[in-house]
C-alpha cells in the first residue's frame, strides 16, 4: 500500500515562542543580578588603590616618628592632608607618588598618631571616577 503524501506529517523542530520568552526572562534576571554584583566588585577594586597608598603613608609616618619623635610627628602631621609638597618631602614622597587613577594626594588626611607611632589615615575620594564615601585606615591596620 502506498502512503498518501497528504498524510505525511513533519515534526516541528525548534522552540515555541513561550519557551524562548522564558529563556530570555531567565537570562535577563541573571544578568541584572550579575551587574549589581559586578558593580560592587569594581568599587572594591577602586578602593584597593587607596588601601595601598594609605598603608604606604602609615609606614612613612612610622619612619618619621622614628626619626623625629612622637611629639614632633603629632604636631607636624596630625590633621594635615598630603597635598603639601614640604610635607610630602618630609615623609619621603614625591608629588606623583600619591596620584593615582582614582585618588590624589589631597584625598589622604592623617587624623591621628598614637603613642606607638601608628597613624590613622582617612581617605575621601574627590575625583569624579572614584568610588563614593570615606574610609579610614585605623592605627591597628584595619579599615572602617
C-alpha atoms as a PDB file:
ATOM      1  CA  UNK A   1       0.000   0.000   0.000  1.00  0.00           C
ATOM      2  CA  UNK A   2       1.211   3.442  -0.902  1.00  0.00           C
ATOM      3  CA  UNK A   3       1.081   6.195   1.618  1.00  0.00           C
ATOM      4  CA  UNK A   4      -0.593   9.337   0.574  1.00  0.00           C
ATOM      5  CA  UNK A   5       1.672  12.424   0.526  1.00  0.00           C
ATOM      6  CA  UNK A   6      -1.039  14.370   2.342  1.00  0.00           C
ATOM      7  CA  UNK A   7      -0.848  12.119   5.329  1.00  0.00           C
ATOM      8  CA  UNK A   8       2.882  12.614   5.766  1.00  0.00           C
ATOM      9  CA  UNK A   9       3.411  14.727   8.871  1.00  0.00           C
ATOM     10  CA  UNK A  10       6.511  16.666   9.618  1.00  0.00           C
ATOM     11  CA  UNK A  11       7.671  17.095  13.102  1.00  0.00           C
ATOM     12  CA  UNK A  12       8.104  20.739  14.046  1.00  0.00           C
ATOM     13  CA  UNK A  13      11.700  21.422  15.029  1.00  0.00           C
ATOM     14  CA  UNK A  14      12.694  24.391  17.173  1.00  0.00           C
ATOM     15  CA  UNK A  15      11.378  26.184  20.203  1.00  0.00           C
ATOM     16  CA  UNK A  16       7.989  27.659  20.744  1.00  0.00           C
ATOM     17  CA  UNK A  17       7.574  31.350  21.412  1.00  0.00           C
ATOM     18  CA  UNK A  18       6.746  30.684  25.071  1.00  0.00           C
ATOM     19  CA  UNK A  19       9.932  28.666  25.566  1.00  0.00           C
ATOM     20  CA  UNK A  20      12.022  31.411  24.012  1.00  0.00           C
ATOM     21  CA  UNK A  21      10.385  34.066  26.197  1.00  0.00           C
ATOM     22  CA  UNK A  22      11.081  32.015  29.353  1.00  0.00           C
ATOM     23  CA  UNK A  23      14.748  31.644  28.393  1.00  0.00           C
ATOM     24  CA  UNK A  24      15.057  35.378  27.699  1.00  0.00           C
ATOM     25  CA  UNK A  25      13.417  36.191  31.042  1.00  0.00           C
ATOM     26  CA  UNK A  26      15.769  33.884  32.965  1.00  0.00           C
ATOM     27  CA  UNK A  27      18.820  35.328  31.216  1.00  0.00           C
ATOM     28  CA  UNK A  28      17.698  38.896  31.963  1.00  0.00           C
ATOM     29  CA  UNK A  29      17.222  38.092  35.665  1.00  0.00           C
ATOM     30  CA  UNK A  30      20.669  36.524  35.860  1.00  0.00           C
ATOM     31  CA  UNK A  31      22.199  39.494  34.035  1.00  0.00           C
ATOM     32  CA  UNK A  32      20.634  42.016  36.414  1.00  0.00           C
ATOM     33  CA  UNK A  33      21.950  40.095  39.432  1.00  0.00           C
ATOM     34  CA  UNK A  34      25.433  39.852  37.926  1.00  0.00           C
ATOM     35  CA  UNK A  35      25.544  43.574  37.115  1.00  0.00           C
ATOM     36  CA  UNK A  36      24.827  44.503  40.738  1.00  0.00           C
ATOM     37  CA  UNK A  37      27.473  42.068  41.994  1.00  0.00           C
ATOM     38  CA  UNK A  38      29.970  43.293  39.421  1.00  0.00           C
ATOM     39  CA  UNK A  39      29.491  46.972  40.291  1.00  0.00           C
ATOM     40  CA  UNK A  40      30.281  46.201  43.933  1.00  0.00           C
ATOM     41  CA  UNK A  41      33.479  44.467  42.856  1.00  0.00           C
ATOM     42  CA  UNK A  42      34.501  47.451  40.737  1.00  0.00           C
ATOM     43  CA  UNK A  43      34.214  49.805  43.731  1.00  0.00           C
ATOM     44  CA  UNK A  44      36.221  47.395  45.873  1.00  0.00           C
ATOM     45  CA  UNK A  45      38.926  47.326  43.220  1.00  0.00           C
ATOM     46  CA  UNK A  46      38.990  51.132  43.109  1.00  0.00           C
ATOM     47  CA  UNK A  47      39.335  51.311  46.903  1.00  0.00           C
ATOM     48  CA  UNK A  48      42.338  48.974  46.725  1.00  0.00           C
ATOM     49  CA  UNK A  49      44.318  51.892  45.245  1.00  0.00           C
ATOM     50  CA  UNK A  50      43.525  53.955  48.345  1.00  0.00           C
ATOM     51  CA  UNK A  51      44.303  50.995  50.612  1.00  0.00           C
ATOM     52  CA  UNK A  52      47.790  50.644  49.171  1.00  0.00           C
ATOM     53  CA  UNK A  53      48.569  54.367  49.351  1.00  0.00           C
ATOM     54  CA  UNK A  54      47.219  54.724  52.900  1.00  0.00           C
ATOM     55  CA  UNK A  55      49.352  51.784  54.019  1.00  0.00           C
ATOM     56  CA  UNK A  56      52.391  53.446  52.491  1.00  0.00           C
ATOM     57  CA  UNK A  57      51.529  56.723  54.247  1.00  0.00           C
ATOM     58  CA  UNK A  58      51.168  54.860  57.528  1.00  0.00           C
ATOM     59  CA  UNK A  59      54.624  53.304  57.080  1.00  0.00           C
ATOM     60  CA  UNK A  60      56.129  56.699  56.176  1.00  0.00           C
ATOM     61  CA  UNK A  61      54.637  58.245  59.320  1.00  0.00           C
ATOM     62  CA  UNK A  62      56.161  55.470  61.436  1.00  0.00           C
ATOM     63  CA  UNK A  63      59.542  56.233  59.863  1.00  0.00           C
ATOM     64  CA  UNK A  64      59.046  59.954  60.546  1.00  0.00           C
ATOM     65  CA  UNK A  65      58.224  59.180  64.187  1.00  0.00           C
ATOM     66  CA  UNK A  66      61.395  57.089  64.487  1.00  0.00           C
ATOM     67  CA  UNK A  67      63.478  59.985  63.074  1.00  0.00           C
ATOM     68  CA  UNK A  68      61.856  62.986  64.767  1.00  0.00           C
ATOM     69  CA  UNK A  69      59.968  61.691  67.794  1.00  0.00           C
ATOM     70  CA  UNK A  70      56.300  61.218  68.564  1.00  0.00           C
ATOM     71  CA  UNK A  71      55.532  64.741  69.813  1.00  0.00           C
ATOM     72  CA  UNK A  72      57.049  66.416  66.721  1.00  0.00           C
ATOM     73  CA  UNK A  73      55.232  63.983  64.447  1.00  0.00           C
ATOM     74  CA  UNK A  74      51.921  64.665  66.165  1.00  0.00           C
ATOM     75  CA  UNK A  75      52.479  68.423  65.933  1.00  0.00           C
ATOM     76  CA  UNK A  76      53.614  68.363  62.286  1.00  0.00           C
ATOM     77  CA  UNK A  77      51.382  65.714  60.742  1.00  0.00           C
ATOM     78  CA  UNK A  78      48.036  65.387  62.530  1.00  0.00           C
ATOM     79  CA  UNK A  79      45.055  66.915  60.673  1.00  0.00           C
ATOM     80  CA  UNK A  80      47.083  67.530  57.541  1.00  0.00           C
ATOM     81  CA  UNK A  81      46.297  66.478  54.010  1.00  0.00           C
ATOM     82  CA  UNK A  82      49.132  65.201  51.905  1.00  0.00           C
ATOM     83  CA  UNK A  83      48.859  67.772  49.115  1.00  0.00           C
ATOM     84  CA  UNK A  84      51.628  69.959  50.604  1.00  0.00           C
ATOM     85  CA  UNK A  85      54.986  69.444  48.834  1.00  0.00           C
ATOM     86  CA  UNK A  86      57.026  70.115  52.001  1.00  0.00           C
ATOM     87  CA  UNK A  87      55.026  67.537  53.951  1.00  0.00           C
ATOM     88  CA  UNK A  88      55.367  65.018  51.129  1.00  0.00           C
ATOM     89  CA  UNK A  89      59.134  65.552  51.094  1.00  0.00           C
ATOM     90  CA  UNK A  90      59.321  65.162  54.891  1.00  0.00           C
ATOM     91  CA  UNK A  91      57.571  61.796  54.559  1.00  0.00           C
ATOM     92  CA  UNK A  92      59.702  60.752  51.581  1.00  0.00           C
ATOM     93  CA  UNK A  93      57.082  61.103  48.828  1.00  0.00           C
ATOM     94  CA  UNK A  94      57.317  62.843  45.502  1.00  0.00           C
ATOM     95  CA  UNK A  95      54.320  64.705  44.096  1.00  0.00           C
ATOM     96  CA  UNK A  96      53.414  61.790  41.777  1.00  0.00           C
ATOM     97  CA  UNK A  97      53.622  59.054  44.420  1.00  0.00           C
ATOM     98  CA  UNK A  98      50.140  59.707  45.786  1.00  0.00           C
ATOM     99  CA  UNK A  99      48.443  60.480  42.483  1.00  0.00           C
ATOM    100  CA  UNK A 100      46.587  57.510  41.070  1.00  0.00           C
ATOM    101  CA  UNK A 101      43.727  56.755  38.751  1.00  0.00           C
ATOM    102  CA  UNK A 102      41.023  57.336  41.371  1.00  0.00           C
ATOM    103  CA  UNK A 103      42.694  59.189  44.258  1.00  0.00           C
ATOM    104  CA  UNK A 104      45.035  62.184  44.567  1.00  0.00           C
ATOM    105  CA  UNK A 105      47.266  63.385  47.408  1.00  0.00           C
ATOM    106  CA  UNK A 106      44.630  65.783  48.779  1.00  0.00           C
ATOM    107  CA  UNK A 107      42.301  62.804  49.396  1.00  0.00           C
ATOM    108  CA  UNK A 108      44.524  61.499  52.226  1.00  0.00           C
ATOM    109  CA  UNK A 109      44.389  63.030  55.718  1.00  0.00           C
ATOM    110  CA  UNK A 110      46.421  61.938  58.739  1.00  0.00           C
ATOM    111  CA  UNK A 111      43.834  62.201  61.509  1.00  0.00           C
ATOM    112  CA  UNK A 112      45.902  60.983  64.460  1.00  0.00           C
ATOM    113  CA  UNK A 113      49.132  59.299  65.527  1.00  0.00           C
ATOM    114  CA  UNK A 114      49.048  57.054  68.583  1.00  0.00           C
ATOM    115  CA  UNK A 115      51.828  56.715  71.177  1.00  0.00           C
ATOM    116  CA  UNK A 116      53.274  53.765  69.259  1.00  0.00           C
ATOM    117  CA  UNK A 117      53.746  55.971  66.204  1.00  0.00           C
ATOM    118  CA  UNK A 118      50.970  54.372  64.141  1.00  0.00           C
ATOM    119  CA  UNK A 119      48.906  56.801  62.104  1.00  0.00           C
ATOM    120  CA  UNK A 120      45.207  56.797  61.347  1.00  0.00           C
ATOM    121  CA  UNK A 121      44.696  57.802  57.714  1.00  0.00           C
ATOM    122  CA  UNK A 122      41.328  58.960  56.368  1.00  0.00           C
ATOM    123  CA  UNK A 123      40.675  58.704  52.642  1.00  0.00           C
ATOM    124  CA  UNK A 124      37.895  60.712  50.984  1.00  0.00           C
ATOM    125  CA  UNK A 125      37.561  60.407  47.227  1.00  0.00           C
ATOM    126  CA  UNK A 126      37.355  63.661  45.300  1.00  0.00           C
ATOM    127  CA  UNK A 127      37.642  62.591  41.672  1.00  0.00           C
ATOM    128  CA  UNK A 128      34.511  62.027  39.614  1.00  0.00           C
ATOM    129  CA  UNK A 129      35.514  58.466  38.637  1.00  0.00           C
ATOM    130  CA  UNK A 130      36.379  57.463  42.212  1.00  0.00           C
ATOM    131  CA  UNK A 131      34.100  55.418  44.465  1.00  0.00           C
ATOM    132  CA  UNK A 132      31.857  57.374  46.801  1.00  0.00           C
ATOM    133  CA  UNK A 133      32.444  57.760  50.510  1.00  0.00           C
ATOM    134  CA  UNK A 134      35.222  57.863  53.070  1.00  0.00           C
ATOM    135  CA  UNK A 135      37.293  55.056  54.518  1.00  0.00           C
ATOM    136  CA  UNK A 136      39.695  55.129  57.431  1.00  0.00           C
ATOM    137  CA  UNK A 137      42.837  53.060  57.964  1.00  0.00           C
ATOM    138  CA  UNK A 138      42.980  52.853  61.746  1.00  0.00           C
ATOM    139  CA  UNK A 139      46.112  52.752  63.876  1.00  0.00           C
ATOM    140  CA  UNK A 140      45.760  48.977  64.266  1.00  0.00           C
ATOM    141  CA  UNK A 141      45.756  48.495  60.475  1.00  0.00           C
ATOM    142  CA  UNK A 142      42.066  47.733  59.958  1.00  0.00           C
ATOM    143  CA  UNK A 143      39.718  49.536  57.575  1.00  0.00           C
ATOM    144  CA  UNK A 144      36.475  51.181  58.620  1.00  0.00           C
END
